[in-house]
PDB file of N, CA and C in Angstrom:
ATOM      1  N   UNK A   1     -25.798  -1.380  12.537  1.00  0.00           N
ATOM      2  CA  UNK A   1     -24.076  -1.595  11.667  1.00  0.00           C
ATOM      3  C   UNK A   1     -22.800  -1.159  12.443  1.00  0.00           C
ATOM      4  N   UNK A   2     -21.844  -1.621  13.003  1.00  0.00           N
ATOM      5  CA  UNK A   2     -20.995  -0.194  13.214  1.00  0.00           C
ATOM      6  C   UNK A   2     -20.042   0.251  11.915  1.00  0.00           C
ATOM      7  N   UNK A   3     -19.978   1.537  11.854  1.00  0.00           N
ATOM      8  CA  UNK A   3     -19.003   2.012  11.028  1.00  0.00           C
ATOM      9  C   UNK A   3     -17.393   1.913  11.382  1.00  0.00           C
ATOM     10  N   UNK A   4     -16.234   2.179  10.588  1.00  0.00           N
ATOM     11  CA  UNK A   4     -14.871   1.649  10.752  1.00  0.00           C
ATOM     12  C   UNK A   4     -14.516   2.690   9.842  1.00  0.00           C
ATOM     13  N   UNK A   5     -13.147   2.980  10.411  1.00  0.00           N
ATOM     14  CA  UNK A   5     -12.544   3.751   9.439  1.00  0.00           C
ATOM     15  C   UNK A   5     -10.744   3.379   9.142  1.00  0.00           C
ATOM     16  N   UNK A   6     -10.424   3.350   8.414  1.00  0.00           N
ATOM     17  CA  UNK A   6      -9.539   2.808   8.074  1.00  0.00           C
ATOM     18  C   UNK A   6      -8.608   4.239   7.718  1.00  0.00           C
ATOM     19  N   UNK A   7      -6.964   4.109   7.806  1.00  0.00           N
ATOM     20  CA  UNK A   7      -6.607   5.511   7.089  1.00  0.00           C
ATOM     21  C   UNK A   7      -5.550   4.880   6.212  1.00  0.00           C
ATOM     22  N   UNK A   8      -5.036   5.643   5.292  1.00  0.00           N
ATOM     23  CA  UNK A   8      -3.822   5.402   4.292  1.00  0.00           C
ATOM     24  C   UNK A   8      -3.478   6.614   4.079  1.00  0.00           C
ATOM     25  N   UNK A   9      -2.066   6.456   4.946  1.00  0.00           N
ATOM     26  CA  UNK A   9      -1.095   7.556   4.213  1.00  0.00           C
ATOM     27  C   UNK A   9       0.176   7.065   3.623  1.00  0.00           C
ATOM     28  N   UNK A  10       1.072   7.954   2.314  1.00  0.00           N
ATOM     29  CA  UNK A  10       1.630   7.838   1.716  1.00  0.00           C
ATOM     30  C   UNK A  10       2.494   8.940   1.655  1.00  0.00           C
ATOM     31  N   UNK A  11       3.875   8.448   1.982  1.00  0.00           N
ATOM     32  CA  UNK A  11       5.128   9.208   2.169  1.00  0.00           C
ATOM     33  C   UNK A  11       5.620   8.754   0.848  1.00  0.00           C
ATOM     34  N   UNK A  12       6.119  10.065   0.293  1.00  0.00           N
ATOM     35  CA  UNK A  12       6.934  10.462  -0.830  1.00  0.00           C
ATOM     36  C   UNK A  12       8.110  10.752  -0.335  1.00  0.00           C
ATOM     37  N   UNK A  13       9.372  10.381  -0.764  1.00  0.00           N
ATOM     38  CA  UNK A  13      10.794  10.540  -0.866  1.00  0.00           C
ATOM     39  C   UNK A  13      11.113  10.797  -2.344  1.00  0.00           C
ATOM     40  N   UNK A  14      11.965  11.363  -2.676  1.00  0.00           N
ATOM     41  CA  UNK A  14      13.035  11.736  -3.982  1.00  0.00           C
ATOM     42  C   UNK A  14      14.565  11.976  -3.692  1.00  0.00           C
ATOM     43  N   UNK A  15      14.937  11.016  -4.614  1.00  0.00           N
ATOM     44  CA  UNK A  15      16.760  11.452  -4.863  1.00  0.00           C
ATOM     45  C   UNK A  15      16.999  10.819  -6.102  1.00  0.00           C
ATOM     46  N   UNK A  16      17.233  12.446  -6.775  1.00  0.00           N
ATOM     47  CA  UNK A  16      17.727  12.359  -8.312  1.00  0.00           C
ATOM     48  C   UNK A  16      16.559  12.192  -8.941  1.00  0.00           C
ATOM     49  N   UNK A  17      16.894  11.261  -9.416  1.00  0.00           N
ATOM     50  CA  UNK A  17      15.826  10.622 -10.619  1.00  0.00           C
ATOM     51  C   UNK A  17      14.800  10.311 -10.089  1.00  0.00           C
ATOM     52  N   UNK A  18      14.984   9.350  -9.295  1.00  0.00           N
ATOM     53  CA  UNK A  18      14.201   8.114  -8.556  1.00  0.00           C
ATOM     54  C   UNK A  18      13.036   9.109  -7.582  1.00  0.00           C
ATOM     55  N   UNK A  19      11.824   8.503  -7.346  1.00  0.00           N
ATOM     56  CA  UNK A  19      10.750   8.545  -6.518  1.00  0.00           C
ATOM     57  C   UNK A  19      10.227   7.497  -5.585  1.00  0.00           C
ATOM     58  N   UNK A  20      10.346   7.610  -4.313  1.00  0.00           N
ATOM     59  CA  UNK A  20       9.582   5.970  -3.646  1.00  0.00           C
ATOM     60  C   UNK A  20       8.759   6.498  -3.042  1.00  0.00           C
ATOM     61  N   UNK A  21       7.546   5.817  -2.994  1.00  0.00           N
ATOM     62  CA  UNK A  21       6.362   5.989  -2.128  1.00  0.00           C
ATOM     63  C   UNK A  21       6.031   4.747  -1.313  1.00  0.00           C
ATOM     64  N   UNK A  22       5.412   5.117  -0.050  1.00  0.00           N
ATOM     65  CA  UNK A  22       5.762   3.937   0.571  1.00  0.00           C
ATOM     66  C   UNK A  22       3.795   4.128   1.449  1.00  0.00           C
ATOM     67  N   UNK A  23       2.879   3.572   1.014  1.00  0.00           N
ATOM     68  CA  UNK A  23       1.477   3.454   1.341  1.00  0.00           C
ATOM     69  C   UNK A  23       1.546   3.038   2.728  1.00  0.00           C
ATOM     70  N   UNK A  24       0.568   3.037   4.136  1.00  0.00           N
ATOM     71  CA  UNK A  24       0.068   2.742   5.126  1.00  0.00           C
ATOM     72  C   UNK A  24      -0.669   2.631   5.512  1.00  0.00           C
ATOM     73  N   UNK A  25      -1.475   1.300   5.350  1.00  0.00           N
ATOM     74  CA  UNK A  25      -3.034   1.544   5.994  1.00  0.00           C
ATOM     75  C   UNK A  25      -3.207   1.090   7.231  1.00  0.00           C
ATOM     76  N   UNK A  26      -3.677   1.792   7.872  1.00  0.00           N
ATOM     77  CA  UNK A  26      -3.621   1.371   9.418  1.00  0.00           C
ATOM     78  C   UNK A  26      -5.317   1.600   9.699  1.00  0.00           C
ATOM     79  N   UNK A  27      -5.398  -0.084  10.423  1.00  0.00           N
ATOM     80  CA  UNK A  27      -7.131  -0.338  10.816  1.00  0.00           C
ATOM     81  C   UNK A  27      -7.552   0.246  12.120  1.00  0.00           C
ATOM     82  N   UNK A  28      -6.727   0.755  12.932  1.00  0.00           N
ATOM     83  CA  UNK A  28      -6.762   1.280  14.171  1.00  0.00           C
ATOM     84  C   UNK A  28      -6.758   0.674  14.958  1.00  0.00           C
ATOM     85  N   UNK A  29      -6.015  -0.225  15.055  1.00  0.00           N
ATOM     86  CA  UNK A  29      -6.105  -1.724  16.028  1.00  0.00           C
ATOM     87  C   UNK A  29      -4.695  -1.273  16.190  1.00  0.00           C
ATOM     88  N   UNK A  30      -4.344  -2.300  17.471  1.00  0.00           N
ATOM     89  CA  UNK A  30      -3.045  -1.848  18.369  1.00  0.00           C
ATOM     90  C   UNK A  30      -1.572  -2.716  17.878  1.00  0.00           C
ATOM     91  N   UNK A  31      -1.919  -3.835  17.316  1.00  0.00           N
ATOM     92  CA  UNK A  31      -1.297  -5.210  16.572  1.00  0.00           C
ATOM     93  C   UNK A  31      -0.434  -4.729  15.233  1.00  0.00           C
ATOM     94  N   UNK A  32       0.668  -5.370  15.252  1.00  0.00           N
ATOM     95  CA  UNK A  32       1.347  -5.162  14.251  1.00  0.00           C
ATOM     96  C   UNK A  32       0.140  -5.586  13.066  1.00  0.00           C
ATOM     97  N   UNK A  33      -0.137  -6.084  13.194  1.00  0.00           N
ATOM     98  CA  UNK A  33      -0.908  -7.346  12.216  1.00  0.00           C
ATOM     99  C   UNK A  33      -1.879  -6.240  11.633  1.00  0.00           C
ATOM    100  N   UNK A  34      -2.421  -5.225  12.024  1.00  0.00           N
ATOM    101  CA  UNK A  34      -3.205  -3.617  12.000  1.00  0.00           C
ATOM    102  C   UNK A  34      -2.808  -2.665  11.217  1.00  0.00           C
ATOM    103  N   UNK A  35      -2.118  -3.103  10.579  1.00  0.00           N
ATOM    104  CA  UNK A  35      -1.291  -2.155   9.371  1.00  0.00           C
ATOM    105  C   UNK A  35      -0.710  -3.329   8.108  1.00  0.00           C
ATOM    106  N   UNK A  36      -0.814  -2.390   7.006  1.00  0.00           N
ATOM    107  CA  UNK A  36      -0.075  -3.404   6.004  1.00  0.00           C
ATOM    108  C   UNK A  36       0.329  -2.338   4.555  1.00  0.00           C
ATOM    109  N   UNK A  37       1.497  -2.815   4.615  1.00  0.00           N
ATOM    110  CA  UNK A  37       2.327  -1.260   3.901  1.00  0.00           C
ATOM    111  C   UNK A  37       2.594  -1.636   2.065  1.00  0.00           C
ATOM    112  N   UNK A  38       2.203  -1.073   1.052  1.00  0.00           N
ATOM    113  CA  UNK A  38       2.700  -1.144   0.114  1.00  0.00           C
ATOM    114  C   UNK A  38       3.792   0.039  -0.483  1.00  0.00           C
ATOM    115  N   UNK A  39       4.564  -0.304  -1.115  1.00  0.00           N
ATOM    116  CA  UNK A  39       5.790   0.689  -2.023  1.00  0.00           C
ATOM    117  C   UNK A  39       5.838   0.310  -2.856  1.00  0.00           C
ATOM    118  N   UNK A  40       6.542   1.476  -3.796  1.00  0.00           N
ATOM    119  CA  UNK A  40       6.103   1.652  -5.617  1.00  0.00           C
ATOM    120  C   UNK A  40       7.214   2.572  -5.422  1.00  0.00           C
ATOM    121  N   UNK A  41       7.670   2.739  -6.939  1.00  0.00           N
ATOM    122  CA  UNK A  41       9.030   3.627  -6.778  1.00  0.00           C
ATOM    123  C   UNK A  41       8.895   3.918  -8.719  1.00  0.00           C
ATOM    124  N   UNK A  42       9.278   5.329  -8.475  1.00  0.00           N
ATOM    125  CA  UNK A  42       8.847   6.052 -10.222  1.00  0.00           C
ATOM    126  C   UNK A  42      10.776   6.328 -10.728  1.00  0.00           C
ATOM    127  N   UNK A  43      11.430   6.175 -12.179  1.00  0.00           N
ATOM    128  CA  UNK A  43      12.336   6.455 -12.209  1.00  0.00           C
ATOM    129  C   UNK A  43      12.355   7.431 -13.182  1.00  0.00           C
ATOM    130  N   UNK A  44      12.441   8.691 -13.332  1.00  0.00           N
ATOM    131  CA  UNK A  44      12.721   9.358 -14.577  1.00  0.00           C
ATOM    132  C   UNK A  44      13.447   9.058 -15.943  1.00  0.00           C
ATOM    133  N   UNK A  45      13.204   9.123 -16.622  1.00  0.00           N
ATOM    134  CA  UNK A  45      14.116   8.450 -17.705  1.00  0.00           C
ATOM    135  C   UNK A  45      15.075  10.435 -18.353  1.00  0.00           C
ATOM    136  N   UNK A  46      16.548  10.089 -17.968  1.00  0.00           N
ATOM    137  CA  UNK A  46      17.192  11.132 -18.530  1.00  0.00           C
ATOM    138  C   UNK A  46      16.648  12.158 -19.342  1.00  0.00           C
ATOM    139  N   UNK A  47      16.069  11.357 -20.197  1.00  0.00           N
ATOM    140  CA  UNK A  47      15.711  12.850 -21.647  1.00  0.00           C
ATOM    141  C   UNK A  47      14.311  12.949 -21.424  1.00  0.00           C
ATOM    142  N   UNK A  48      13.282  12.974 -20.119  1.00  0.00           N
ATOM    143  CA  UNK A  48      11.936  13.630 -20.423  1.00  0.00           C
ATOM    144  C   UNK A  48      12.342  14.987 -19.188  1.00  0.00           C
ATOM    145  N   UNK A  49      11.496  15.949 -19.514  1.00  0.00           N
ATOM    146  CA  UNK A  49      12.139  17.012 -18.272  1.00  0.00           C
ATOM    147  C   UNK A  49      11.470  16.631 -17.354  1.00  0.00           C
ATOM    148  N   UNK A  50      12.290  17.721 -16.228  1.00  0.00           N
ATOM    149  CA  UNK A  50      12.146  17.042 -14.924  1.00  0.00           C
ATOM    150  C   UNK A  50      10.942  17.902 -14.089  1.00  0.00           C
ATOM    151  N   UNK A  51       9.878  17.186 -14.147  1.00  0.00           N
ATOM    152  CA  UNK A  51       8.179  16.824 -13.338  1.00  0.00           C
ATOM    153  C   UNK A  51       7.877  16.363 -12.374  1.00  0.00           C
ATOM    154  N   UNK A  52       8.418  17.017 -10.948  1.00  0.00           N
ATOM    155  CA  UNK A  52       8.605  16.152  -9.795  1.00  0.00           C
ATOM    156  C   UNK A  52       7.050  15.587  -9.497  1.00  0.00           C
ATOM    157  N   UNK A  53       6.114  15.951  -9.850  1.00  0.00           N
ATOM    158  CA  UNK A  53       4.713  15.896  -9.346  1.00  0.00           C
ATOM    159  C   UNK A  53       4.023  14.484 -10.514  1.00  0.00           C
ATOM    160  N   UNK A  54       4.748  13.623 -11.414  1.00  0.00           N
ATOM    161  CA  UNK A  54       4.402  13.198 -12.493  1.00  0.00           C
ATOM    162  C   UNK A  54       4.941  11.646 -11.467  1.00  0.00           C
ATOM    163  N   UNK A  55       6.223  11.718 -11.206  1.00  0.00           N
ATOM    164  CA  UNK A  55       7.273  11.015 -10.164  1.00  0.00           C
ATOM    165  C   UNK A  55       6.830  10.249  -8.545  1.00  0.00           C
ATOM    166  N   UNK A  56       6.108  11.518  -8.297  1.00  0.00           N
ATOM    167  CA  UNK A  56       4.970  11.459  -7.121  1.00  0.00           C
ATOM    168  C   UNK A  56       3.949  10.640  -7.313  1.00  0.00           C
ATOM    169  N   UNK A  57       3.007  10.617  -9.059  1.00  0.00           N
ATOM    170  CA  UNK A  57       1.780  10.303  -8.949  1.00  0.00           C
ATOM    171  C   UNK A  57       2.230   9.142  -9.429  1.00  0.00           C
ATOM    172  N   UNK A  58       3.046   8.354 -10.602  1.00  0.00           N
ATOM    173  CA  UNK A  58       3.824   7.394 -10.630  1.00  0.00           C
ATOM    174  C   UNK A  58       3.649   6.348  -9.212  1.00  0.00           C
ATOM    175  N   UNK A  59       4.644   7.469  -8.171  1.00  0.00           N
ATOM    176  CA  UNK A  59       5.735   6.377  -7.474  1.00  0.00           C
ATOM    177  C   UNK A  59       3.978   6.273  -6.368  1.00  0.00           C
ATOM    178  N   UNK A  60       3.186   6.832  -6.749  1.00  0.00           N
ATOM    179  CA  UNK A  60       2.103   6.525  -5.183  1.00  0.00           C
ATOM    180  C   UNK A  60       1.336   5.967  -5.728  1.00  0.00           C
ATOM    181  N   UNK A  61       0.403   5.980  -6.725  1.00  0.00           N
ATOM    182  CA  UNK A  61      -0.064   4.675  -7.536  1.00  0.00           C
ATOM    183  C   UNK A  61       0.637   3.433  -7.406  1.00  0.00           C
ATOM    184  N   UNK A  62       1.614   3.248  -7.073  1.00  0.00           N
ATOM    185  CA  UNK A  62       2.185   2.332  -7.103  1.00  0.00           C
ATOM    186  C   UNK A  62       2.049   1.722  -5.902  1.00  0.00           C
ATOM    187  N   UNK A  63       2.411   2.396  -5.089  1.00  0.00           N
ATOM    188  CA  UNK A  63       2.402   1.831  -3.718  1.00  0.00           C
ATOM    189  C   UNK A  63       0.807   1.789  -3.531  1.00  0.00           C
ATOM    190  N   UNK A  64       0.118   2.185  -3.528  1.00  0.00           N
ATOM    191  CA  UNK A  64      -1.455   1.497  -3.636  1.00  0.00           C
ATOM    192  C   UNK A  64      -1.521   0.642  -4.352  1.00  0.00           C
ATOM    193  N   UNK A  65      -1.139   0.457  -5.683  1.00  0.00           N
ATOM    194  CA  UNK A  65      -1.906  -1.467  -6.142  1.00  0.00           C
ATOM    195  C   UNK A  65      -0.158  -2.181  -5.172  1.00  0.00           C
ATOM    196  N   UNK A  66       0.493  -1.548  -4.940  1.00  0.00           N
ATOM    197  CA  UNK A  66       1.082  -3.155  -4.077  1.00  0.00           C
ATOM    198  C   UNK A  66       0.385  -3.118  -2.831  1.00  0.00           C
ATOM    199  N   UNK A  67       0.014  -2.107  -2.339  1.00  0.00           N
ATOM    200  CA  UNK A  67      -0.747  -2.011  -0.730  1.00  0.00           C
ATOM    201  C   UNK A  67      -1.759  -3.056  -1.204  1.00  0.00           C
ATOM    202  N   UNK A  68      -2.410  -2.776  -1.958  1.00  0.00           N
ATOM    203  CA  UNK A  68      -3.772  -3.380  -2.360  1.00  0.00           C
ATOM    204  C   UNK A  68      -3.836  -4.876  -2.610  1.00  0.00           C
ATOM    205  N   UNK A  69      -2.656  -5.308  -3.499  1.00  0.00           N
ATOM    206  CA  UNK A  69      -1.931  -6.851  -3.455  1.00  0.00           C
ATOM    207  C   UNK A  69      -1.883  -7.455  -2.408  1.00  0.00           C
ATOM    208  N   UNK A  70      -1.262  -6.873  -1.419  1.00  0.00           N
ATOM    209  CA  UNK A  70      -1.003  -7.049   0.262  1.00  0.00           C
ATOM    210  C   UNK A  70      -2.063  -6.704   0.612  1.00  0.00           C
ATOM    211  N   UNK A  71      -2.920  -6.420   1.081  1.00  0.00           N
ATOM    212  CA  UNK A  71      -4.400  -6.534   1.327  1.00  0.00           C
ATOM    213  C   UNK A  71      -4.876  -7.891   1.207  1.00  0.00           C
ATOM    214  N   UNK A  72      -5.357  -8.136   0.096  1.00  0.00           N
ATOM    215  CA  UNK A  72      -6.023  -8.925  -0.466  1.00  0.00           C
ATOM    216  C   UNK A  72      -4.924 -10.310  -0.289  1.00  0.00           C
ATOM    217  N   UNK A  73      -3.619 -10.495  -0.034  1.00  0.00           N
ATOM    218  CA  UNK A  73      -3.010 -11.233   0.764  1.00  0.00           C
ATOM    219  C   UNK A  73      -3.452 -12.120   1.979  1.00  0.00           C
ATOM    220  N   UNK A  74      -3.228 -10.843   2.614  1.00  0.00           N
ATOM    221  CA  UNK A  74      -4.005 -10.542   3.724  1.00  0.00           C
ATOM    222  C   UNK A  74      -5.190 -11.308   4.024  1.00  0.00           C
ATOM    223  N   UNK A  75      -5.922 -11.412   3.188  1.00  0.00           N
ATOM    224  CA  UNK A  75      -7.320 -11.503   3.522  1.00  0.00           C
ATOM    225  C   UNK A  75      -7.609 -13.053   2.702  1.00  0.00           C
ATOM    226  N   UNK A  76      -6.634 -13.421   1.947  1.00  0.00           N
ATOM    227  CA  UNK A  76      -6.300 -14.791   1.526  1.00  0.00           C
ATOM    228  C   UNK A  76      -5.950 -15.714   2.609  1.00  0.00           C
ATOM    229  N   UNK A  77      -5.132 -15.003   3.425  1.00  0.00           N
ATOM    230  CA  UNK A  77      -4.255 -15.989   4.457  1.00  0.00           C
ATOM    231  C   UNK A  77      -5.326 -16.364   5.265  1.00  0.00           C
ATOM    232  N   UNK A  78      -6.364 -15.062   5.616  1.00  0.00           N
ATOM    233  CA  UNK A  78      -7.140 -14.927   6.993  1.00  0.00           C
ATOM    234  C   UNK A  78      -8.486 -15.952   7.065  1.00  0.00           C
ATOM    235  N   UNK A  79      -8.537 -16.430   5.669  1.00  0.00           N
ATOM    236  CA  UNK A  79      -9.959 -17.228   4.829  1.00  0.00           C
ATOM    237  C   UNK A  79      -9.003 -18.398   5.184  1.00  0.00           C
ATOM    238  N   UNK A  80      -7.732 -18.766   4.656  1.00  0.00           N
ATOM    239  CA  UNK A  80      -7.328 -20.173   4.706  1.00  0.00           C
ATOM    240  C   UNK A  80      -7.056 -20.583   6.344  1.00  0.00           C
ATOM    241  N   UNK A  81      -6.580 -19.751   7.321  1.00  0.00           N
ATOM    242  CA  UNK A  81      -6.446 -19.762   9.023  1.00  0.00           C
ATOM    243  C   UNK A  81      -7.907 -19.946   9.336  1.00  0.00           C
ATOM    244  N   UNK A  82      -8.990 -19.495   8.953  1.00  0.00           N
ATOM    245  CA  UNK A  82      -9.953 -19.265   9.878  1.00  0.00           C
ATOM    246  C   UNK A  82     -10.897 -20.553   9.401  1.00  0.00           C
ATOM    247  N   UNK A  83     -10.844 -20.538   7.885  1.00  0.00           N
ATOM    248  CA  UNK A  83     -12.088 -21.370   7.826  1.00  0.00           C
ATOM    249  C   UNK A  83     -11.745 -22.727   7.790  1.00  0.00           C
ATOM    250  N   UNK A  84     -12.390 -23.148   8.524  1.00  0.00           N
ATOM    251  CA  UNK A  84     -12.160 -24.718   9.024  1.00  0.00           C
ATOM    252  C   UNK A  84     -13.534 -25.536   8.677  1.00  0.00           C
ATOM    253  N   UNK A  85     -13.250 -26.732   8.982  1.00  0.00           N
ATOM    254  CA  UNK A  85     -14.391 -27.791   8.447  1.00  0.00           C
ATOM    255  C   UNK A  85     -15.726 -27.005   9.215  1.00  0.00           C
ATOM    256  N   UNK A  86     -16.647 -27.307   7.779  1.00  0.00           N
ATOM    257  CA  UNK A  86     -18.552 -26.728   8.687  1.00  0.00           C
ATOM    258  C   UNK A  86     -18.840 -27.797   8.818  1.00  0.00           C
ATOM    259  N   UNK A  87     -19.618 -28.180  10.412  1.00  0.00           N
ATOM    260  CA  UNK A  87     -20.282 -29.085  10.778  1.00  0.00           C
ATOM    261  C   UNK A  87     -21.303 -28.602  11.074  1.00  0.00           C
ATOM    262  N   UNK A  88     -22.231 -29.821  11.078  1.00  0.00           N
ATOM    263  CA  UNK A  88     -24.213 -29.808  11.270  1.00  0.00           C
ATOM    264  C   UNK A  88     -24.638 -30.484  11.931  1.00  0.00           C
TER     265      UNK A  88
END
């Protein structure tokens, strides 16, 4: 059995009350299709206390959720593209 390692890196940027996150999944290949990117954003309500960690957590979780949906879509597209009629 071959062990594979995929890596997810999360990049977070803050600007005022907005926090943006980008989650990048790399499967280790060299083709453009060997990575999938998810994005998330969090906006602090001006009435809330400024706690940057909460914005980081929300934006990162939303980026990971978006990444999961995009990865699922890639798999579904592969199934459609690669599954042909079964011959007997």
